[in-house]
Amino acid sequence: GTNSSPPYPLKSPICAGGGEPFSDLALAVRLALEQLEPADRNLLWLHDGEGYTLKELAPHFGCTEVCLRQRLHRARQRLKRLLSDEK
């Protein structure tokens, strides 16, 4: 089965960096990410945010690198649509 949980808990900070409030863009991205399915959000965060490779993530998500590349592309497209709807 596919496990959509990350290998460690994802933190969801209220502020960026040293207690500074999120910029408008950062807040829009965070809100859009929260609207994604947990598996999509985790994949985006682990790959794009934490720098894990598709090869490293494939066993965790229970699919091939090719499958994961497709899922990552679709998750990015959904995030892009959500962000464009914010405007």
N, C-alpha and C. Protein backbone atom coordinates (compact mmCIF):
# COMPACT_ATOMS: atom_id res chain seq x y z
N GLY A 1 0.82 -1.20 0.00
CA GLY A 1 0.00 0.00 0.00
C GLY A 1 0.84 1.24 0.00
N THR A 2 0.25 2.34 -0.40
CA THR A 2 0.95 3.61 -0.43
C THR A 2 0.85 4.28 0.93
N ASN A 3 1.99 4.66 1.46
CA ASN A 3 2.04 5.38 2.73
C ASN A 3 2.26 6.84 2.42
N SER A 4 1.31 7.70 2.75
CA SER A 4 1.44 9.11 2.41
C SER A 4 2.08 9.92 3.53
N SER A 5 2.43 9.28 4.64
CA SER A 5 3.08 10.00 5.73
C SER A 5 4.55 10.19 5.43
N PRO A 6 5.08 11.36 5.78
CA PRO A 6 6.51 11.57 5.57
C PRO A 6 7.31 10.71 6.55
N PRO A 7 8.61 10.53 6.28
CA PRO A 7 9.41 9.72 7.19
C PRO A 7 9.59 10.38 8.55
N TYR A 8 9.19 11.62 8.68
CA TYR A 8 9.23 12.34 9.94
C TYR A 8 8.10 13.35 9.92
N PRO A 9 7.65 13.83 11.07
CA PRO A 9 6.54 14.78 11.05
C PRO A 9 6.93 16.10 10.41
N LEU A 10 6.04 16.62 9.59
CA LEU A 10 6.27 17.93 8.99
C LEU A 10 5.86 19.01 9.98
N LYS A 11 6.69 20.01 10.11
CA LYS A 11 6.36 21.13 10.98
C LYS A 11 5.58 22.14 10.16
N SER A 12 4.70 22.83 10.80
CA SER A 12 3.90 23.84 10.12
C SER A 12 4.06 25.16 10.88
N PRO A 13 5.17 25.85 10.66
CA PRO A 13 5.43 27.06 11.45
C PRO A 13 4.46 28.18 11.13
N ILE A 14 4.19 28.98 12.13
CA ILE A 14 3.32 30.13 11.93
C ILE A 14 4.13 31.28 11.35
N CYS A 15 5.38 31.37 11.73
CA CYS A 15 6.24 32.43 11.24
C CYS A 15 7.45 31.83 10.54
N ALA A 16 8.00 32.57 9.62
CA ALA A 16 9.20 32.15 8.92
C ALA A 16 10.42 32.65 9.66
N GLY A 17 11.48 31.89 9.60
CA GLY A 17 12.76 32.34 10.13
C GLY A 17 12.70 32.74 11.58
N GLY A 18 13.24 33.89 11.89
CA GLY A 18 13.37 34.35 13.27
C GLY A 18 12.14 35.05 13.79
N GLY A 19 10.98 34.49 13.61
CA GLY A 19 9.77 35.06 14.16
C GLY A 19 9.14 36.13 13.28
N GLU A 20 9.69 36.32 12.07
CA GLU A 20 9.12 37.30 11.16
C GLU A 20 7.83 36.75 10.55
N PRO A 21 6.80 37.56 10.43
CA PRO A 21 5.57 37.07 9.79
C PRO A 21 5.84 36.67 8.33
N PHE A 22 5.07 35.72 7.85
CA PHE A 22 5.19 35.31 6.46
C PHE A 22 4.88 36.49 5.54
N SER A 23 5.55 36.55 4.42
CA SER A 23 5.20 37.53 3.40
C SER A 23 3.87 37.10 2.79
N ASP A 24 3.27 37.98 2.00
CA ASP A 24 2.00 37.64 1.35
C ASP A 24 2.16 36.41 0.47
N LEU A 25 3.27 36.33 -0.27
CA LEU A 25 3.50 35.19 -1.14
C LEU A 25 3.67 33.91 -0.34
N ALA A 26 4.47 33.98 0.72
CA ALA A 26 4.70 32.79 1.55
C ALA A 26 3.38 32.32 2.17
N LEU A 27 2.56 33.26 2.60
CA LEU A 27 1.27 32.90 3.19
C LEU A 27 0.37 32.26 2.14
N ALA A 28 0.35 32.82 0.91
CA ALA A 28 -0.47 32.25 -0.17
C ALA A 28 -0.01 30.83 -0.49
N VAL A 29 1.30 30.62 -0.52
CA VAL A 29 1.83 29.28 -0.81
C VAL A 29 1.44 28.32 0.31
N ARG A 30 1.58 28.76 1.54
CA ARG A 30 1.23 27.89 2.68
C ARG A 30 -0.25 27.52 2.64
N LEU A 31 -1.10 28.49 2.39
CA LEU A 31 -2.54 28.21 2.33
C LEU A 31 -2.88 27.27 1.17
N ALA A 32 -2.22 27.46 0.04
CA ALA A 32 -2.45 26.58 -1.12
C ALA A 32 -1.97 25.16 -0.80
N LEU A 33 -0.80 25.04 -0.16
CA LEU A 33 -0.29 23.72 0.21
C LEU A 33 -1.26 22.99 1.14
N GLU A 34 -1.88 23.73 2.04
CA GLU A 34 -2.82 23.12 2.98
C GLU A 34 -4.06 22.57 2.28
N GLN A 35 -4.35 23.06 1.08
CA GLN A 35 -5.51 22.58 0.32
C GLN A 35 -5.21 21.32 -0.48
N LEU A 36 -3.93 20.98 -0.62
CA LEU A 36 -3.56 19.77 -1.36
C LEU A 36 -3.82 18.53 -0.52
N GLU A 37 -3.94 17.41 -1.20
CA GLU A 37 -4.04 16.13 -0.49
C GLU A 37 -2.74 15.95 0.31
N PRO A 38 -2.81 15.31 1.47
CA PRO A 38 -1.60 15.12 2.28
C PRO A 38 -0.45 14.45 1.53
N ALA A 39 -0.75 13.46 0.70
CA ALA A 39 0.32 12.77 -0.04
C ALA A 39 1.00 13.73 -1.02
N ASP A 40 0.22 14.59 -1.69
CA ASP A 40 0.80 15.57 -2.62
C ASP A 40 1.64 16.59 -1.86
N ARG A 41 1.10 17.08 -0.76
CA ARG A 41 1.81 18.06 0.06
C ARG A 41 3.14 17.49 0.56
N ASN A 42 3.09 16.25 1.05
CA ASN A 42 4.31 15.61 1.56
C ASN A 42 5.33 15.40 0.45
N LEU A 43 4.87 14.96 -0.71
CA LEU A 43 5.78 14.74 -1.83
C LEU A 43 6.45 16.04 -2.24
N LEU A 44 5.67 17.09 -2.38
CA LEU A 44 6.25 18.39 -2.74
C LEU A 44 7.26 18.86 -1.70
N TRP A 45 6.88 18.73 -0.43
CA TRP A 45 7.77 19.21 0.63
C TRP A 45 9.06 18.38 0.68
N LEU A 46 8.93 17.08 0.64
CA LEU A 46 10.11 16.23 0.76
C LEU A 46 11.04 16.38 -0.44
N HIS A 47 10.48 16.51 -1.64
CA HIS A 47 11.31 16.63 -2.84
C HIS A 47 11.82 18.06 -3.02
N ASP A 48 10.91 19.02 -3.07
CA ASP A 48 11.29 20.39 -3.38
C ASP A 48 11.81 21.15 -2.16
N GLY A 49 11.26 20.85 -1.00
CA GLY A 49 11.66 21.56 0.21
C GLY A 49 12.87 20.97 0.90
N GLU A 50 12.88 19.65 1.04
CA GLU A 50 13.94 18.98 1.79
C GLU A 50 15.04 18.41 0.89
N GLY A 51 14.77 18.34 -0.40
CA GLY A 51 15.81 17.91 -1.33
C GLY A 51 15.98 16.41 -1.52
N TYR A 52 15.00 15.61 -1.06
CA TYR A 52 15.07 14.17 -1.32
C TYR A 52 14.92 13.91 -2.81
N THR A 53 15.63 12.92 -3.31
CA THR A 53 15.51 12.55 -4.72
C THR A 53 14.29 11.64 -4.91
N LEU A 54 13.86 11.55 -6.16
CA LEU A 54 12.75 10.64 -6.46
C LEU A 54 13.14 9.20 -6.15
N LYS A 55 14.39 8.87 -6.38
CA LYS A 55 14.89 7.52 -6.08
C LYS A 55 14.76 7.22 -4.59
N GLU A 56 15.08 8.21 -3.75
CA GLU A 56 14.96 8.02 -2.31
C GLU A 56 13.50 7.94 -1.86
N LEU A 57 12.64 8.68 -2.51
CA LEU A 57 11.23 8.75 -2.10
C LEU A 57 10.36 7.62 -2.64
N ALA A 58 10.74 7.05 -3.78
CA ALA A 58 9.90 6.04 -4.42
C ALA A 58 9.52 4.89 -3.48
N PRO A 59 10.47 4.28 -2.76
CA PRO A 59 10.06 3.19 -1.86
C PRO A 59 9.10 3.65 -0.76
N HIS A 60 9.31 4.85 -0.27
CA HIS A 60 8.44 5.40 0.78
C HIS A 60 7.01 5.57 0.29
N PHE A 61 6.86 6.01 -0.97
CA PHE A 61 5.53 6.24 -1.53
C PHE A 61 4.97 5.00 -2.21
N GLY A 62 5.76 3.93 -2.28
CA GLY A 62 5.28 2.67 -2.81
C GLY A 62 5.06 2.65 -4.31
N CYS A 63 5.89 3.38 -5.05
CA CYS A 63 5.76 3.36 -6.51
C CYS A 63 7.13 3.59 -7.14
N THR A 64 7.19 3.52 -8.45
CA THR A 64 8.45 3.69 -9.17
C THR A 64 8.81 5.17 -9.26
N GLU A 65 10.05 5.44 -9.64
CA GLU A 65 10.48 6.82 -9.84
C GLU A 65 9.65 7.50 -10.93
N VAL A 66 9.35 6.76 -11.99
CA VAL A 66 8.55 7.31 -13.09
C VAL A 66 7.16 7.71 -12.59
N CYS A 67 6.55 6.83 -11.84
CA CYS A 67 5.23 7.12 -11.26
C CYS A 67 5.31 8.34 -10.35
N LEU A 68 6.35 8.39 -9.52
CA LEU A 68 6.50 9.50 -8.59
C LEU A 68 6.76 10.82 -9.32
N ARG A 69 7.51 10.76 -10.42
CA ARG A 69 7.74 11.97 -11.23
C ARG A 69 6.42 12.51 -11.75
N GLN A 70 5.53 11.61 -12.20
CA GLN A 70 4.22 12.02 -12.69
C GLN A 70 3.39 12.64 -11.55
N ARG A 71 3.42 11.99 -10.39
CA ARG A 71 2.68 12.50 -9.24
C ARG A 71 3.19 13.88 -8.82
N LEU A 72 4.51 14.05 -8.85
CA LEU A 72 5.11 15.33 -8.49
C LEU A 72 4.67 16.41 -9.48
N HIS A 73 4.70 16.08 -10.76
CA HIS A 73 4.27 17.04 -11.79
C HIS A 73 2.81 17.44 -11.56
N ARG A 74 1.96 16.47 -11.32
CA ARG A 74 0.53 16.76 -11.10
C ARG A 74 0.32 17.58 -9.83
N ALA A 75 1.08 17.28 -8.79
CA ALA A 75 0.97 18.04 -7.54
C ALA A 75 1.40 19.49 -7.76
N ARG A 76 2.46 19.69 -8.52
CA ARG A 76 2.91 21.05 -8.83
C ARG A 76 1.86 21.80 -9.65
N GLN A 77 1.22 21.09 -10.59
CA GLN A 77 0.17 21.72 -11.40
C GLN A 77 -1.02 22.13 -10.52
N ARG A 78 -1.40 21.25 -9.59
CA ARG A 78 -2.51 21.59 -8.68
C ARG A 78 -2.14 22.80 -7.82
N LEU A 79 -0.91 22.83 -7.32
CA LEU A 79 -0.45 23.96 -6.51
C LEU A 79 -0.47 25.24 -7.34
N LYS A 80 -0.01 25.15 -8.56
CA LYS A 80 0.00 26.32 -9.44
C LYS A 80 -1.41 26.84 -9.68
N ARG A 81 -2.37 25.91 -9.91
CA ARG A 81 -3.77 26.32 -10.13
C ARG A 81 -4.31 27.00 -8.86
N LEU A 82 -4.02 26.42 -7.71
CA LEU A 82 -4.51 27.01 -6.45
C LEU A 82 -3.94 28.41 -6.26
N LEU A 83 -2.67 28.58 -6.59
CA LEU A 83 -2.05 29.89 -6.43
C LEU A 83 -2.60 30.91 -7.43
N SER A 84 -2.90 30.47 -8.63
CA SER A 84 -3.45 31.40 -9.62
C SER A 84 -4.89 31.77 -9.26
N ASP A 85 -5.60 30.88 -8.56
CA ASP A 85 -6.97 31.19 -8.11
C ASP A 85 -6.97 32.23 -7.00
N GLU A 86 -5.83 32.34 -6.28
CA GLU A 86 -5.73 33.28 -5.17
C GLU A 86 -5.74 34.73 -5.63
N LYS A 87 -5.32 34.98 -6.86
CA LYS A 87 -5.16 36.36 -7.35
C LYS A 87 -6.48 37.04 -7.60
